[in-house]
């Protein structure tokens, strides 16, 4: 009977150790599959926005497609069809479409 109590006490100590190992493993999985890729994507998006230049064909987060006509600090003027020009903040850029537009023209 005493040995059964001692065996139960020993398994309780090892289960808490394995719990911490599992929690550490879960944290690593979350970091490598969720947090790190999102940080990389945000870094790439910021780099892309900083490298926008006149003549690039872009799409805004609102869905407006056009060519960058002018750059002024943190804003740019987007030239849309038929000479329409709209001013946007750089943060409104969603993606570059220059390569897609070059294929269509």
Protein backbone atom coordinates (compact mmCIF):
# COMPACT_ATOMS: atom_id res chain seq x y z
CA UNK A 1 0.00 0.00 0.00
CA UNK A 2 2.83 2.39 0.82
CA UNK A 3 4.56 1.54 -2.45
CA UNK A 4 1.36 2.33 -4.39
CA UNK A 5 1.23 5.80 -2.81
CA UNK A 6 4.90 6.40 -3.62
CA UNK A 7 4.37 5.36 -7.26
CA UNK A 8 1.44 7.75 -7.58
CA UNK A 9 3.51 10.58 -6.12
CA UNK A 10 6.30 9.95 -8.61
CA UNK A 11 4.00 10.00 -11.64
CA UNK A 12 2.52 13.29 -10.47
CA UNK A 13 5.93 14.97 -10.61
CA UNK A 14 6.75 13.73 -14.10
CA UNK A 15 3.35 14.75 -15.47
CA UNK A 16 3.92 18.36 -14.43
CA UNK A 17 7.29 18.28 -16.18
CA UNK A 18 5.73 16.91 -19.37
CA UNK A 19 3.00 19.57 -19.13
CA UNK A 20 5.62 22.32 -19.28
CA UNK A 21 7.36 20.61 -22.20
CA UNK A 22 4.04 20.40 -24.09
CA UNK A 23 3.23 24.05 -23.36
CA UNK A 24 6.68 25.09 -24.58
CA UNK A 25 6.17 23.05 -27.74
CA UNK A 26 2.80 24.66 -28.36
CA UNK A 27 4.30 28.13 -27.96
CA UNK A 28 7.03 27.26 -30.48
CA UNK A 29 4.45 25.96 -32.96
CA UNK A 30 2.37 29.14 -32.62
CA UNK A 31 5.46 31.29 -33.11
CA UNK A 32 6.80 29.51 -36.20
CA UNK A 33 3.44 28.93 -37.93
CA UNK A 34 1.47 32.07 -36.99
CA UNK A 35 3.46 34.96 -35.54
CA UNK A 36 6.68 34.78 -37.57
CA UNK A 37 5.02 34.55 -41.03
CA UNK A 38 2.73 37.46 -40.18
CA UNK A 39 5.69 39.59 -39.10
CA UNK A 40 7.50 38.72 -42.34
CA UNK A 41 4.43 39.63 -44.40
CA UNK A 42 4.12 42.99 -42.62
CA UNK A 43 7.82 43.69 -43.18
CA UNK A 44 7.52 42.87 -46.89
CA UNK A 45 4.43 45.09 -47.24
CA UNK A 46 6.22 48.02 -45.58
CA UNK A 47 9.24 47.53 -47.84
CA UNK A 48 6.97 47.45 -50.90
CA UNK A 49 5.18 50.66 -49.88
CA UNK A 50 8.50 52.42 -49.28
CA UNK A 51 9.73 51.41 -52.76
CA UNK A 52 6.68 52.65 -54.72
CA UNK A 53 7.71 55.01 -57.49
CA UNK A 54 6.09 57.09 -60.20
CA UNK A 55 4.69 54.93 -62.98
CA UNK A 56 3.89 51.85 -60.87
CA UNK A 57 0.44 50.38 -61.39
CA UNK A 58 -1.13 49.70 -57.98
CA UNK A 59 -4.37 48.61 -56.35
CA UNK A 60 -5.61 50.36 -53.20
CA UNK A 61 -7.33 48.71 -50.25
CA UNK A 62 -10.57 50.24 -51.53
CA UNK A 63 -10.17 48.50 -54.88
CA UNK A 64 -9.11 51.51 -56.99
CA UNK A 65 -6.73 50.54 -59.81
CA UNK A 66 -4.41 53.07 -61.35
CA UNK A 67 -0.93 54.36 -62.07
CA UNK A 68 1.07 56.42 -59.58
CA UNK A 69 1.34 59.89 -61.15
CA UNK A 70 3.04 61.84 -58.32
CA UNK A 71 4.62 61.13 -54.94
CA UNK A 72 4.53 63.72 -52.15
CA UNK A 73 5.85 62.56 -48.76
CA UNK A 74 3.43 60.00 -47.35
CA UNK A 75 0.79 60.62 -50.05
CA UNK A 76 0.57 59.87 -53.75
CA UNK A 77 -1.71 60.78 -56.61
CA UNK A 78 -3.27 57.86 -58.43
CA UNK A 79 -4.22 58.41 -62.05
CA UNK A 80 -7.24 56.34 -63.00
CA UNK A 81 -8.91 55.96 -66.40
CA UNK A 82 -9.81 59.01 -68.51
CA UNK A 83 -7.45 61.36 -66.66
CA UNK A 84 -9.07 61.11 -63.22
CA UNK A 85 -6.62 61.77 -60.40
CA UNK A 86 -7.16 60.83 -56.75
CA UNK A 87 -4.90 61.51 -53.75
CA UNK A 88 -4.26 58.61 -51.35
CA UNK A 89 -2.03 57.91 -48.36
CA UNK A 90 0.72 55.37 -48.96
CA UNK A 91 -0.88 53.13 -46.34
CA UNK A 92 -3.88 52.70 -48.70
CA UNK A 93 -1.82 50.66 -51.16
CA UNK A 94 -2.82 47.02 -51.19
CA UNK A 95 -0.62 45.49 -53.89
CA UNK A 96 1.37 46.13 -57.01
CA UNK A 97 -0.19 45.27 -60.33
CA UNK A 98 2.58 46.49 -62.66
CA UNK A 99 3.49 43.00 -63.83
CA UNK A 100 -0.15 42.08 -64.43
CA UNK A 101 -0.78 45.34 -66.31
CA UNK A 102 2.35 44.87 -68.43
CA UNK A 103 1.00 41.50 -69.55
CA UNK A 104 -2.32 43.07 -70.60
CA UNK A 105 -0.86 46.02 -72.53
